[in-house]
Amino acid sequence: MAKIIKIPTFSDERGDLSVIEKLVNFSFKRIYYIYNSDGSQRGGHRHKKTRQLLVCIHGSCDIFCENKFEEVVFSLNSPKKCLLLEAEDWHTMSNFSKNCILLVMASEHYDMDDYINEKY
């Protein structure tokens, strides 16, 4: 099941520096971000292989996750934490705040055949 991971952050009078390295055991092959949302729900799928790390670098949004055993809603509202999505996690993204920027780092390149659009 998906889980929240605290991102190491270094803060001083100049501001904050958050570092994403060695948080997950996969390399990022695709990086994209969602912004200027009109409020529509995004996602609505799971994967065969792709694992993802999501960071709301500005604003907030909710991520609904479901696997064969449980359902959880995660609120991403700080660039100091991220959500690790496993391939089997059915997920939707919603409740995007104004000016929300959701950064997604994926373990695989885009492949339409990797998507599973049916819920459990």
PDB file of N, CA and C in Angstrom:
ATOM      1  N   MET A   1       0.846  -1.191   0.000  1.00  0.00           N
ATOM      2  CA  MET A   1       0.000   0.000   0.000  1.00  0.00           C
ATOM      3  C   MET A   1       0.880   1.238   0.000  1.00  0.00           C
ATOM      4  N   ALA A   2       0.366   2.276  -0.582  1.00  0.00           N
ATOM      5  CA  ALA A   2       1.053   3.564  -0.620  1.00  0.00           C
ATOM      6  C   ALA A   2       1.417   4.002   0.792  1.00  0.00           C
ATOM      7  N   LYS A   3       2.479   4.804   0.880  1.00  0.00           N
ATOM      8  CA  LYS A   3       2.874   5.326   2.189  1.00  0.00           C
ATOM      9  C   LYS A   3       3.541   6.682   2.043  1.00  0.00           C
ATOM     10  N   ILE A   4       3.384   7.490   3.094  1.00  0.00           N
ATOM     11  CA  ILE A   4       4.016   8.807   3.158  1.00  0.00           C
ATOM     12  C   ILE A   4       5.463   8.634   3.609  1.00  0.00           C
ATOM     13  N   ILE A   5       6.365   9.357   2.959  1.00  0.00           N
ATOM     14  CA  ILE A   5       7.779   9.368   3.324  1.00  0.00           C
ATOM     15  C   ILE A   5       8.178  10.817   3.581  1.00  0.00           C
ATOM     16  N   LYS A   6       8.836  11.049   4.697  1.00  0.00           N
ATOM     17  CA  LYS A   6       9.352  12.390   5.019  1.00  0.00           C
ATOM     18  C   LYS A   6      10.587  12.649   4.160  1.00  0.00           C
ATOM     19  N   ILE A   7      10.624  13.810   3.523  1.00  0.00           N
ATOM     20  CA  ILE A   7      11.758  14.196   2.685  1.00  0.00           C
ATOM     21  C   ILE A   7      12.763  14.947   3.558  1.00  0.00           C
ATOM     22  N   PRO A   8      14.023  14.514   3.571  1.00  0.00           N
ATOM     23  CA  PRO A   8      15.025  15.247   4.352  1.00  0.00           C
ATOM     24  C   PRO A   8      15.063  16.709   3.911  1.00  0.00           C
ATOM     25  N   THR A   9      14.904  17.596   4.873  1.00  0.00           N
ATOM     26  CA  THR A   9      14.838  19.030   4.594  1.00  0.00           C
ATOM     27  C   THR A   9      15.809  19.764   5.511  1.00  0.00           C
ATOM     28  N   PHE A  10      16.562  20.660   4.930  1.00  0.00           N
ATOM     29  CA  PHE A  10      17.523  21.463   5.662  1.00  0.00           C
ATOM     30  C   PHE A  10      17.047  22.907   5.625  1.00  0.00           C
ATOM     31  N   SER A  11      16.870  23.493   6.813  1.00  0.00           N
ATOM     32  CA  SER A  11      16.290  24.834   6.917  1.00  0.00           C
ATOM     33  C   SER A  11      17.247  25.763   7.655  1.00  0.00           C
ATOM     34  N   ASP A  12      17.339  26.971   7.178  1.00  0.00           N
ATOM     35  CA  ASP A  12      18.040  28.038   7.891  1.00  0.00           C
ATOM     36  C   ASP A  12      17.408  29.363   7.495  1.00  0.00           C
ATOM     37  N   GLU A  13      18.047  30.461   7.844  1.00  0.00           N
ATOM     38  CA  GLU A  13      17.461  31.776   7.594  1.00  0.00           C
ATOM     39  C   GLU A  13      17.269  32.070   6.115  1.00  0.00           C
ATOM     40  N   ARG A  14      17.940  31.330   5.241  1.00  0.00           N
ATOM     41  CA  ARG A  14      17.816  31.530   3.797  1.00  0.00           C
ATOM     42  C   ARG A  14      16.613  30.821   3.206  1.00  0.00           C
ATOM     43  N   GLY A  15      16.074  29.859   3.957  1.00  0.00           N
ATOM     44  CA  GLY A  15      14.936  29.094   3.454  1.00  0.00           C
ATOM     45  C   GLY A  15      15.118  27.611   3.670  1.00  0.00           C
ATOM     46  N   ASP A  16      14.393  26.819   2.893  1.00  0.00           N
ATOM     47  CA  ASP A  16      14.406  25.362   3.026  1.00  0.00           C
ATOM     48  C   ASP A  16      14.995  24.720   1.774  1.00  0.00           C
ATOM     49  N   LEU A  17      15.684  23.613   1.981  1.00  0.00           N
ATOM     50  CA  LEU A  17      16.233  22.812   0.899  1.00  0.00           C
ATOM     51  C   LEU A  17      15.829  21.373   1.171  1.00  0.00           C
ATOM     52  N   SER A  18      14.977  20.810   0.327  1.00  0.00           N
ATOM     53  CA  SER A  18      14.538  19.427   0.479  1.00  0.00           C
ATOM     54  C   SER A  18      15.220  18.570  -0.588  1.00  0.00           C
ATOM     55  N   VAL A  19      15.700  17.399  -0.170  1.00  0.00           N
ATOM     56  CA  VAL A  19      16.520  16.559  -1.039  1.00  0.00           C
ATOM     57  C   VAL A  19      15.853  15.196  -1.230  1.00  0.00           C
ATOM     58  N   ILE A  20      15.635  14.837  -2.493  1.00  0.00           N
ATOM     59  CA  ILE A  20      15.084  13.522  -2.814  1.00  0.00           C
ATOM     60  C   ILE A  20      16.204  12.694  -3.410  1.00  0.00           C
ATOM     61  N   GLU A  21      16.795  11.853  -2.577  1.00  0.00           N
ATOM     62  CA  GLU A  21      17.785  10.888  -3.015  1.00  0.00           C
ATOM     63  C   GLU A  21      17.802   9.750  -2.002  1.00  0.00           C
ATOM     64  N   LYS A  22      17.937   8.561  -2.493  1.00  0.00           N
ATOM     65  CA  LYS A  22      17.979   7.362  -1.648  1.00  0.00           C
ATOM     66  C   LYS A  22      16.708   7.173  -0.824  1.00  0.00           C
ATOM     67  N   LEU A  23      15.581   7.761  -1.262  1.00  0.00           N
ATOM     68  CA  LEU A  23      14.308   7.571  -0.565  1.00  0.00           C
ATOM     69  C   LEU A  23      13.605   6.308  -1.031  1.00  0.00           C
ATOM     70  N   VAL A  24      13.844   5.923  -2.271  1.00  0.00           N
ATOM     71  CA  VAL A  24      13.206   4.745  -2.856  1.00  0.00           C
ATOM     72  C   VAL A  24      14.263   3.913  -3.569  1.00  0.00           C
ATOM     73  N   ASN A  25      13.942   2.661  -3.816  1.00  0.00           N
ATOM     74  CA  ASN A  25      14.919   1.768  -4.441  1.00  0.00           C
ATOM     75  C   ASN A  25      14.681   1.619  -5.945  1.00  0.00           C
ATOM     76  N   PHE A  26      14.319   2.726  -6.596  1.00  0.00           N
ATOM     77  CA  PHE A  26      14.190   2.717  -8.048  1.00  0.00           C
ATOM     78  C   PHE A  26      14.661   4.050  -8.596  1.00  0.00           C
ATOM     79  N   SER A  27      15.097   4.022  -9.840  1.00  0.00           N
ATOM     80  CA  SER A  27      15.517   5.241 -10.533  1.00  0.00           C
ATOM     81  C   SER A  27      14.312   5.871 -11.195  1.00  0.00           C
ATOM     82  N   PHE A  28      14.372   7.169 -11.406  1.00  0.00           N
ATOM     83  CA  PHE A  28      13.284   7.875 -12.062  1.00  0.00           C
ATOM     84  C   PHE A  28      13.538   7.870 -13.569  1.00  0.00           C
ATOM     85  N   LYS A  29      12.595   7.291 -14.311  1.00  0.00           N
ATOM     86  CA  LYS A  29      12.695   7.258 -15.766  1.00  0.00           C
ATOM     87  C   LYS A  29      11.771   8.279 -16.417  1.00  0.00           C
ATOM     88  N   ARG A  30      10.814   8.791 -15.633  1.00  0.00           N
ATOM     89  CA  ARG A  30       9.881   9.788 -16.161  1.00  0.00           C
ATOM     90  C   ARG A  30       9.515  10.722 -15.025  1.00  0.00           C
ATOM     91  N   ILE A  31       9.569  12.008 -15.295  1.00  0.00           N
ATOM     92  CA  ILE A  31       9.197  13.020 -14.306  1.00  0.00           C
ATOM     93  C   ILE A  31       8.220  13.970 -14.986  1.00  0.00           C
ATOM     94  N   TYR A  32       7.082  14.187 -14.321  1.00  0.00           N
ATOM     95  CA  TYR A  32       6.089  15.121 -14.857  1.00  0.00           C
ATOM     96  C   TYR A  32       5.406  15.826 -13.702  1.00  0.00           C
ATOM     97  N   TYR A  33       4.665  16.875 -14.012  1.00  0.00           N
ATOM     98  CA  TYR A  33       3.938  17.590 -12.974  1.00  0.00           C
ATOM     99  C   TYR A  33       2.587  18.040 -13.484  1.00  0.00           C
ATOM    100  N   ILE A  34       1.662  18.102 -12.540  1.00  0.00           N
ATOM    101  CA  ILE A  34       0.284  18.515 -12.814  1.00  0.00           C
ATOM    102  C   ILE A  34       0.098  19.891 -12.191  1.00  0.00           C
ATOM    103  N   TYR A  35      -0.448  20.821 -12.953  1.00  0.00           N
ATOM    104  CA  TYR A  35      -0.680  22.179 -12.440  1.00  0.00           C
ATOM    105  C   TYR A  35      -1.804  22.829 -13.225  1.00  0.00           C
ATOM    106  N   ASN A  36      -2.264  23.987 -12.761  1.00  0.00           N
ATOM    107  CA  ASN A  36      -3.392  24.698 -13.374  1.00  0.00           C
ATOM    108  C   ASN A  36      -4.634  23.815 -13.462  1.00  0.00           C
ATOM    109  N   SER A  37      -4.848  23.001 -12.448  1.00  0.00           N
ATOM    110  CA  SER A  37      -5.989  22.087 -12.436  1.00  0.00           C
ATOM    111  C   SER A  37      -7.303  22.857 -12.438  1.00  0.00           C
ATOM    112  N   ASP A  38      -8.266  22.342 -13.181  1.00  0.00           N
ATOM    113  CA  ASP A  38      -9.597  22.953 -13.182  1.00  0.00           C
ATOM    114  C   ASP A  38     -10.503  22.322 -12.126  1.00  0.00           C
ATOM    115  N   GLY A  39      -9.909  21.494 -11.261  1.00  0.00           N
ATOM    116  CA  GLY A  39     -10.684  20.834 -10.220  1.00  0.00           C
ATOM    117  C   GLY A  39     -11.095  19.417 -10.572  1.00  0.00           C
ATOM    118  N   SER A  40     -10.813  18.994 -11.793  1.00  0.00           N
ATOM    119  CA  SER A  40     -11.172  17.643 -12.215  1.00  0.00           C
ATOM    120  C   SER A  40     -10.309  16.603 -11.504  1.00  0.00           C
ATOM    121  N   GLN A  41     -10.883  15.444 -11.306  1.00  0.00           N
ATOM    122  CA  GLN A  41     -10.146  14.319 -10.744  1.00  0.00           C
ATOM    123  C   GLN A  41      -9.169  13.798 -11.791  1.00  0.00           C
ATOM    124  N   ARG A  42      -7.990  13.410 -11.359  1.00  0.00           N
ATOM    125  CA  ARG A  42      -6.967  12.852 -12.244  1.00  0.00           C
ATOM    126  C   ARG A  42      -6.682  11.412 -11.824  1.00  0.00           C
ATOM    127  N   GLY A  43      -5.928  10.701 -12.614  1.00  0.00           N
ATOM    128  CA  GLY A  43      -5.562   9.324 -12.297  1.00  0.00           C
ATOM    129  C   GLY A  43      -6.673   8.375 -12.690  1.00  0.00           C
ATOM    130  N   GLY A  44      -7.092   7.531 -11.740  1.00  0.00           N
ATOM    131  CA  GLY A  44      -8.127   6.547 -12.020  1.00  0.00           C
ATOM    132  C   GLY A  44      -7.564   5.302 -12.670  1.00  0.00           C
ATOM    133  N   HIS A  45      -6.426   4.852 -12.158  1.00  0.00           N
ATOM    134  CA  HIS A  45      -5.798   3.652 -12.699  1.00  0.00           C
ATOM    135  C   HIS A  45      -4.781   3.097 -11.702  1.00  0.00           C
ATOM    136  N   ARG A  46      -4.229   1.959 -12.037  1.00  0.00           N
ATOM    137  CA  ARG A  46      -3.089   1.372 -11.347  1.00  0.00           C
ATOM    138  C   ARG A  46      -2.152   0.879 -12.427  1.00  0.00           C
ATOM    139  N   HIS A  47      -1.054   0.273 -12.042  1.00  0.00           N
ATOM    140  CA  HIS A  47      -0.055  -0.135 -13.024  1.00  0.00           C
ATOM    141  C   HIS A  47       0.346  -1.593 -12.855  1.00  0.00           C
ATOM    142  N   LYS A  48       0.945  -2.131 -13.894  1.00  0.00           N
ATOM    143  CA  LYS A  48       1.537  -3.465 -13.823  1.00  0.00           C
ATOM    144  C   LYS A  48       2.932  -3.393 -13.218  1.00  0.00           C
ATOM    145  N   LYS A  49       3.717  -2.362 -13.611  1.00  0.00           N
ATOM    146  CA  LYS A  49       5.105  -2.248 -13.160  1.00  0.00           C
ATOM    147  C   LYS A  49       5.438  -0.914 -12.487  1.00  0.00           C
ATOM    148  N   THR A  50       4.864   0.158 -12.945  1.00  0.00           N
ATOM    149  CA  THR A  50       5.312   1.492 -12.564  1.00  0.00           C
ATOM    150  C   THR A  50       5.047   1.812 -11.100  1.00  0.00           C
ATOM    151  N   ARG A  51       6.102   2.229 -10.416  1.00  0.00           N
ATOM    152  CA  ARG A  51       6.007   2.782  -9.066  1.00  0.00           C
ATOM    153  C   ARG A  51       6.210   4.290  -9.202  1.00  0.00           C
ATOM    154  N   GLN A  52       5.601   5.068  -8.302  1.00  0.00           N
ATOM    155  CA  GLN A  52       5.665   6.519  -8.424  1.00  0.00           C
ATOM    156  C   GLN A  52       5.917   7.171  -7.074  1.00  0.00           C
ATOM    157  N   LEU A  53       6.602   8.289  -7.108  1.00  0.00           N
ATOM    158  CA  LEU A  53       6.814   9.122  -5.938  1.00  0.00           C
ATOM    159  C   LEU A  53       6.181  10.473  -6.237  1.00  0.00           C
ATOM    160  N   LEU A  54       5.223  10.909  -5.403  1.00  0.00           N
ATOM    161  CA  LEU A  54       4.477  12.144  -5.624  1.00  0.00           C
ATOM    162  C   LEU A  54       4.825  13.160  -4.553  1.00  0.00           C
ATOM    163  N   VAL A  55       5.079  14.396  -4.979  1.00  0.00           N
ATOM    164  CA  VAL A  55       5.353  15.499  -4.063  1.00  0.00           C
ATOM    165  C   VAL A  55       4.504  16.686  -4.476  1.00  0.00           C
ATOM    166  N   CYS A  56       3.752  17.219  -3.540  1.00  0.00           N
ATOM    167  CA  CYS A  56       3.019  18.447  -3.808  1.00  0.00           C
ATOM    168  C   CYS A  56       3.965  19.596  -3.469  1.00  0.00           C
ATOM    169  N   ILE A  57       4.616  20.132  -4.485  1.00  0.00           N
ATOM    170  CA  ILE A  57       5.638  21.146  -4.227  1.00  0.00           C
ATOM    171  C   ILE A  57       5.048  22.534  -3.981  1.00  0.00           C
ATOM    172  N   HIS A  58       3.758  22.686  -4.298  1.00  0.00           N
ATOM    173  CA  HIS A  58       3.066  23.936  -3.983  1.00  0.00           C
ATOM    174  C   HIS A  58       1.590  23.639  -3.816  1.00  0.00           C
ATOM    175  N   GLY A  59       0.986  24.180  -2.771  1.00  0.00           N
ATOM    176  CA  GLY A  59      -0.440  23.955  -2.545  1.00  0.00           C
ATOM    177  C   GLY A  59      -0.705  22.603  -1.917  1.00  0.00           C
ATOM    178  N   SER A  60      -1.869  22.035  -2.248  1.00  0.00           N
ATOM    179  CA  SER A  60      -2.260  20.754  -1.650  1.00  0.00           C
ATOM    180  C   SER A  60      -3.194  19.999  -2.585  1.00  0.00           C
ATOM    181  N   CYS A  61      -3.270  18.697  -2.348  1.00  0.00           N
ATOM    182  CA  CYS A  61      -4.217  17.837  -3.052  1.00  0.00           C
ATOM    183  C   CYS A  61      -4.381  16.553  -2.255  1.00  0.00           C
ATOM    184  N   ASP A  62      -5.399  15.784  -2.592  1.00  0.00           N
ATOM    185  CA  ASP A  62      -5.657  14.503  -1.947  1.00  0.00           C
ATOM    186  C   ASP A  62      -5.430  13.383  -2.938  1.00  0.00           C
ATOM    187  N   ILE A  63      -4.871  12.286  -2.436  1.00  0.00           N
ATOM    188  CA  ILE A  63      -4.644  11.103  -3.249  1.00  0.00           C
ATOM    189  C   ILE A  63      -5.412   9.950  -2.605  1.00  0.00           C
ATOM    190  N   PHE A  64      -6.395   9.418  -3.334  1.00  0.00           N
ATOM    191  CA  PHE A  64      -7.142   8.248  -2.880  1.00  0.00           C
ATOM    192  C   PHE A  64      -6.417   7.022  -3.405  1.00  0.00           C
ATOM    193  N   CYS A  65      -6.138   6.058  -2.522  1.00  0.00           N
ATOM    194  CA  CYS A  65      -5.450   4.830  -2.907  1.00  0.00           C
ATOM    195  C   CYS A  65      -6.246   3.631  -2.435  1.00  0.00           C
ATOM    196  N   GLU A  66      -6.247   2.602  -3.268  1.00  0.00           N
ATOM    197  CA  GLU A  66      -6.932   1.367  -2.932  1.00  0.00           C
ATOM    198  C   GLU A  66      -6.112   0.199  -3.477  1.00  0.00           C
ATOM    199  N   ASN A  67      -5.960  -0.836  -2.639  1.00  0.00           N
ATOM    200  CA  ASN A  67      -5.413  -2.089  -3.134  1.00  0.00           C
ATOM    201  C   ASN A  67      -6.401  -3.190  -2.764  1.00  0.00           C
ATOM    202  N   LYS A  68      -6.011  -4.421  -2.827  1.00  0.00           N
ATOM    203  CA  LYS A  68      -6.946  -5.521  -2.551  1.00  0.00           C
ATOM    204  C   LYS A  68      -7.415  -5.547  -1.099  1.00  0.00           C
ATOM    205  N   PHE A  69      -6.712  -4.847  -0.209  1.00  0.00           N
ATOM    206  CA  PHE A  69      -6.969  -4.985   1.218  1.00  0.00           C
ATOM    207  C   PHE A  69      -7.475  -3.733   1.924  1.00  0.00           C
ATOM    208  N   GLU A  70      -7.187  -2.547   1.397  1.00  0.00           N
ATOM    209  CA  GLU A  70      -7.576  -1.334   2.110  1.00  0.00           C
ATOM    210  C   GLU A  70      -7.719  -0.141   1.172  1.00  0.00           C
ATOM    211  N   GLU A  71      -8.382   0.894   1.700  1.00  0.00           N
ATOM    212  CA  GLU A  71      -8.541   2.176   1.020  1.00  0.00           C
ATOM    213  C   GLU A  71      -8.035   3.267   1.966  1.00  0.00           C
ATOM    214  N   VAL A  72      -7.268   4.202   1.435  1.00  0.00           N
ATOM    215  CA  VAL A  72      -6.720   5.283   2.246  1.00  0.00           C
ATOM    216  C   VAL A  72      -6.717   6.557   1.412  1.00  0.00           C
ATOM    217  N   VAL A  73      -7.003   7.691   2.055  1.00  0.00           N
ATOM    218  CA  VAL A  73      -6.854   8.994   1.419  1.00  0.00           C
ATOM    219  C   VAL A  73      -5.668   9.693   2.077  1.00  0.00           C
ATOM    220  N   PHE A  74      -4.722  10.098   1.263  1.00  0.00           N
ATOM    221  CA  PHE A  74      -3.538  10.810   1.732  1.00  0.00           C
ATOM    222  C   PHE A  74      -3.663  12.273   1.325  1.00  0.00           C
ATOM    223  N   SER A  75      -3.378  13.183   2.243  1.00  0.00           N
ATOM    224  CA  SER A  75      -3.337  14.613   1.926  1.00  0.00           C
ATOM    225  C   SER A  75      -1.887  15.013   1.733  1.00  0.00           C
ATOM    226  N   LEU A  76      -1.590  15.511   0.559  1.00  0.00           N
ATOM    227  CA  LEU A  76      -0.259  16.055   0.302  1.00  0.00           C
ATOM    228  C   LEU A  76      -0.363  17.565   0.406  1.00  0.00           C
ATOM    229  N   ASN A  77       0.269  18.127   1.413  1.00  0.00           N
ATOM    230  CA  ASN A  77       0.130  19.557   1.685  1.00  0.00           C
ATOM    231  C   ASN A  77       1.439  20.201   2.117  1.00  0.00           C
ATOM    232  N   SER A  78       2.549  19.537   1.838  1.00  0.00           N
ATOM    233  CA  SER A  78       3.853  20.064   2.211  1.00  0.00           C
ATOM    234  C   SER A  78       4.916  19.509   1.271  1.00  0.00           C
ATOM    235  N   PRO A  79       5.841  20.345   0.815  1.00  0.00           N
ATOM    236  CA  PRO A  79       6.924  19.829  -0.014  1.00  0.00           C
ATOM    237  C   PRO A  79       7.962  19.057   0.799  1.00  0.00           C
ATOM    238  N   LYS A  80       7.716  18.894   2.094  1.00  0.00           N
ATOM    239  CA  LYS A  80       8.627  18.147   2.966  1.00  0.00           C
ATOM    240  C   LYS A  80       8.218  16.688   3.119  1.00  0.00           C
ATOM    241  N   LYS A  81       7.179  16.260   2.371  1.00  0.00           N
ATOM    242  CA  LYS A  81       6.779  14.856   2.405  1.00  0.00           C
ATOM    243  C   LYS A  81       6.358  14.428   1.013  1.00  0.00           C
ATOM    244  N   CYS A  82       6.434  13.127   0.789  1.00  0.00           N
ATOM    245  CA  CYS A  82       6.043  12.591  -0.508  1.00  0.00           C
ATOM    246  C   CYS A  82       5.241  11.323  -0.283  1.00  0.00           C
ATOM    247  N   LEU A  83       4.589  10.872  -1.332  1.00  0.00           N
ATOM    248  CA  LEU A  83       3.783   9.661  -1.288  1.00  0.00           C
ATOM    249  C   LEU A  83       4.387   8.657  -2.251  1.00  0.00           C
ATOM    250  N   LEU A  84       4.722   7.485  -1.736  1.00  0.00           N
ATOM    251  CA  LEU A  84       5.203   6.399  -2.568  1.00  0.00           C
ATOM    252  C   LEU A  84       4.004   5.554  -2.968  1.00  0.00           C
ATOM    253  N   LEU A  85       3.736   5.493  -4.268  1.00  0.00           N
ATOM    254  CA  LEU A  85       2.658   4.664  -4.815  1.00  0.00           C
ATOM    255  C   LEU A  85       3.257   3.395  -5.397  1.00  0.00           C
ATOM    256  N   GLU A  86       2.754   2.262  -4.946  1.00  0.00           N
ATOM    257  CA  GLU A  86       3.167   0.986  -5.515  1.00  0.00           C
ATOM    258  C   GLU A  86       2.360   0.736  -6.782  1.00  0.00           C
ATOM    259  N   ALA A  87       2.861  -0.123  -7.649  1.00  0.00           N
ATOM    260  CA  ALA A  87       2.199  -0.380  -8.927  1.00  0.00           C
ATOM    261  C   ALA A  87       0.753  -0.823  -8.736  1.00  0.00           C
ATOM    262  N   GLU A  88       0.485  -1.631  -7.722  1.00  0.00           N
ATOM    263  CA  GLU A  88      -0.855  -2.192  -7.521  1.00  0.00           C
ATOM    264  C   GLU A  88      -1.839  -1.214  -6.882  1.00  0.00           C
ATOM    265  N   ASP A  89      -1.388  -0.016  -6.535  1.00  0.00           N
ATOM    266  CA  ASP A  89      -2.267   0.970  -5.892  1.00  0.00           C
ATOM    267  C   ASP A  89      -3.140   1.690  -6.928  1.00  0.00           C
ATOM    268  N   TRP A  90      -4.444   1.367  -6.936  1.00  0.00           N
ATOM    269  CA  TRP A  90      -5.405   2.155  -7.712  1.00  0.00           C
ATOM    270  C   TRP A  90      -5.390   3.545  -7.077  1.00  0.00           C
ATOM    271  N   HIS A  91      -5.298   4.591  -7.881  1.00  0.00           N
ATOM    272  CA  HIS A  91      -5.212   5.924  -7.290  1.00  0.00           C
ATOM    273  C   HIS A  91      -5.936   6.967  -8.134  1.00  0.00           C
ATOM    274  N   THR A  92      -6.476   7.931  -7.417  1.00  0.00           N
ATOM    275  CA  THR A  92      -7.029   9.132  -8.034  1.00  0.00           C
ATOM    276  C   THR A  92      -6.486  10.325  -7.276  1.00  0.00           C
ATOM    277  N   MET A  93      -6.380  11.444  -7.969  1.00  0.00           N
ATOM    278  CA  MET A  93      -5.896  12.682  -7.388  1.00  0.00           C
ATOM    279  C   MET A  93      -7.009  13.713  -7.509  1.00  0.00           C
ATOM    280  N   SER A  94      -7.318  14.402  -6.400  1.00  0.00           N
ATOM    281  CA  SER A  94      -8.435  15.351  -6.406  1.00  0.00           C
ATOM    282  C   SER A  94      -8.191  16.454  -5.378  1.00  0.00           C
ATOM    283  N   ASN A  95      -9.155  17.335  -5.260  1.00  0.00           N
ATOM    284  CA  ASN A  95      -9.105  18.450  -4.306  1.00  0.00           C
ATOM    285  C   ASN A  95      -7.837  19.283  -4.457  1.00  0.00           C
ATOM    286  N   PHE A  96      -7.495  19.578  -5.696  1.00  0.00           N
ATOM    287  CA  PHE A  96      -6.322  20.410  -5.960  1.00  0.00           C
ATOM    288  C   PHE A  96      -6.596  21.840  -5.498  1.00  0.00           C
ATOM    289  N   SER A  97      -5.713  22.366  -4.671  1.00  0.00           N
ATOM    290  CA  SER A  97      -5.855  23.764  -4.268  1.00  0.00           C
ATOM    291  C   SER A  97      -5.465  24.659  -5.441  1.00  0.00           C
ATOM    292  N   LYS A  98      -5.859  25.926  -5.336  1.00  0.00           N
ATOM    293  CA  LYS A  98      -5.473  26.891  -6.363  1.00  0.00           C
ATOM    294  C   LYS A  98      -3.945  26.953  -6.411  1.00  0.00           C
ATOM    295  N   ASN A  99      -3.391  26.943  -7.590  1.00  0.00           N
ATOM    296  CA  ASN A  99      -1.950  26.996  -7.816  1.00  0.00           C
ATOM    297  C   ASN A  99      -1.198  25.764  -7.334  1.00  0.00           C
ATOM    298  N   CYS A 100      -1.892  24.644  -7.159  1.00  0.00           N
ATOM    299  CA  CYS A 100      -1.248  23.390  -6.763  1.00  0.00           C
ATOM    300  C   CYS A 100      -0.297  22.925  -7.869  1.00  0.00           C
ATOM    301  N   ILE A 101       0.866  22.455  -7.466  1.00  0.00           N
ATOM    302  CA  ILE A 101       1.798  21.812  -8.390  1.00  0.00           C
ATOM    303  C   ILE A 101       2.148  20.458  -7.787  1.00  0.00           C
ATOM    304  N   LEU A 102       1.750  19.392  -8.482  1.00  0.00           N
ATOM    305  CA  LEU A 102       2.005  18.034  -8.029  1.00  0.00           C
ATOM    306  C   LEU A 102       3.074  17.417  -8.933  1.00  0.00           C
ATOM    307  N   LEU A 103       4.231  17.132  -8.355  1.00  0.00           N
ATOM    308  CA  LEU A 103       5.354  16.544  -9.064  1.00  0.00           C
ATOM    309  C   LEU A 103       5.293  15.026  -8.926  1.00  0.00           C
ATOM    310  N   VAL A 104       5.454  14.310 -10.050  1.00  0.00           N
ATOM    311  CA  VAL A 104       5.407  12.850 -10.045  1.00  0.00           C
ATOM    312  C   VAL A 104       6.686  12.320 -10.684  1.00  0.00           C
ATOM    313  N   MET A 105       7.349  11.415  -9.967  1.00  0.00           N
ATOM    314  CA  MET A 105       8.559  10.755 -10.461  1.00  0.00           C
ATOM    315  C   MET A 105       8.241   9.271 -10.595  1.00  0.00           C
ATOM    316  N   ALA A 106       8.363   8.739 -11.807  1.00  0.00           N
ATOM    317  CA  ALA A 106       7.937   7.372 -12.103  1.00  0.00           C
ATOM    318  C   ALA A 106       9.125   6.469 -12.415  1.00  0.00           C
ATOM    319  N   SER A 107       8.974   5.199 -12.032  1.00  0.00           N
ATOM    320  CA  SER A 107      10.046   4.220 -12.231  1.00  0.00           C
ATOM    321  C   SER A 107      10.168   3.744 -13.675  1.00  0.00           C
ATOM    322  N   GLU A 108       9.147   3.989 -14.493  1.00  0.00           N
ATOM    323  CA  GLU A 108       9.137   3.484 -15.862  1.00  0.00           C
ATOM    324  C   GLU A 108       8.778   4.601 -16.841  1.00  0.00           C
ATOM    325  N   HIS A 109       9.222   4.438 -18.078  1.00  0.00           N
ATOM    326  CA  HIS A 109       8.793   5.327 -19.141  1.00  0.00           C
ATOM    327  C   HIS A 109       7.310   5.087 -19.408  1.00  0.00           C
ATOM    328  N   TYR A 110       6.638   6.053 -20.014  1.00  0.00           N
ATOM    329  CA  TYR A 110       5.223   5.882 -20.334  1.00  0.00           C
ATOM    330  C   TYR A 110       5.036   4.683 -21.253  1.00  0.00           C
ATOM    331  N   ASP A 111       4.071   3.828 -20.899  1.00  0.00           N
ATOM    332  CA  ASP A 111       3.718   2.668 -21.708  1.00  0.00           C
ATOM    333  C   ASP A 111       2.233   2.405 -21.479  1.00  0.00           C
ATOM    334  N   MET A 112       1.423   2.636 -22.485  1.00  0.00           N
ATOM    335  CA  MET A 112      -0.025   2.458 -22.370  1.00  0.00           C
ATOM    336  C   MET A 112      -0.384   1.052 -21.860  1.00  0.00           C
ATOM    337  N   ASP A 113       0.395   0.058 -22.212  1.00  0.00           N
ATOM    338  CA  ASP A 113       0.116  -1.329 -21.804  1.00  0.00           C
ATOM    339  C   ASP A 113       0.386  -1.567 -20.320  1.00  0.00           C
ATOM    340  N   ASP A 114       1.037  -0.634 -19.643  1.00  0.00           N
ATOM    341  CA  ASP A 114       1.312  -0.766 -18.208  1.00  0.00           C
ATOM    342  C   ASP A 114       0.116  -0.330 -17.354  1.00  0.00           C
ATOM    343  N   TYR A 115      -0.859   0.328 -17.955  1.00  0.00           N
ATOM    344  CA  TYR A 115      -1.994   0.860 -17.215  1.00  0.00           C
ATOM    345  C   TYR A 115      -3.095  -0.195 -17.055  1.00  0.00           C
ATOM    346  N   ILE A 116      -3.675  -0.254 -15.846  1.00  0.00           N
ATOM    347  CA  ILE A 116      -4.833  -1.089 -15.567  1.00  0.00           C
ATOM    348  C   ILE A 116      -5.946  -0.137 -15.137  1.00  0.00           C
ATOM    349  N   ASN A 117      -6.990  -0.040 -15.919  1.00  0.00           N
ATOM    350  CA  ASN A 117      -8.045   0.944 -15.664  1.00  0.00           C
ATOM    351  C   ASN A 117      -9.195   0.417 -14.825  1.00  0.00           C
ATOM    352  N   GLU A 118      -9.191  -0.876 -14.514  1.00  0.00           N
ATOM    353  CA  GLU A 118     -10.256  -1.455 -13.704  1.00  0.00           C
ATOM    354  C   GLU A 118      -9.879  -1.386 -12.225  1.00  0.00           C
ATOM    355  N   LYS A 119     -10.856  -1.001 -11.397  1.00  0.00           N
ATOM    356  CA  LYS A 119     -10.655  -1.022  -9.948  1.00  0.00           C
ATOM    357  C   LYS A 119     -10.689  -2.456  -9.465  1.00  0.00           C
ATOM    358  N   TYR A 120     -10.308  -2.646  -8.225  1.00  0.00           N
ATOM    359  CA  TYR A 120     -10.370  -3.977  -7.605  1.00  0.00           C
ATOM    360  C   TYR A 120     -11.803  -4.395  -7.397  1.00  0.00           C
TER     361      TYR A 120
END
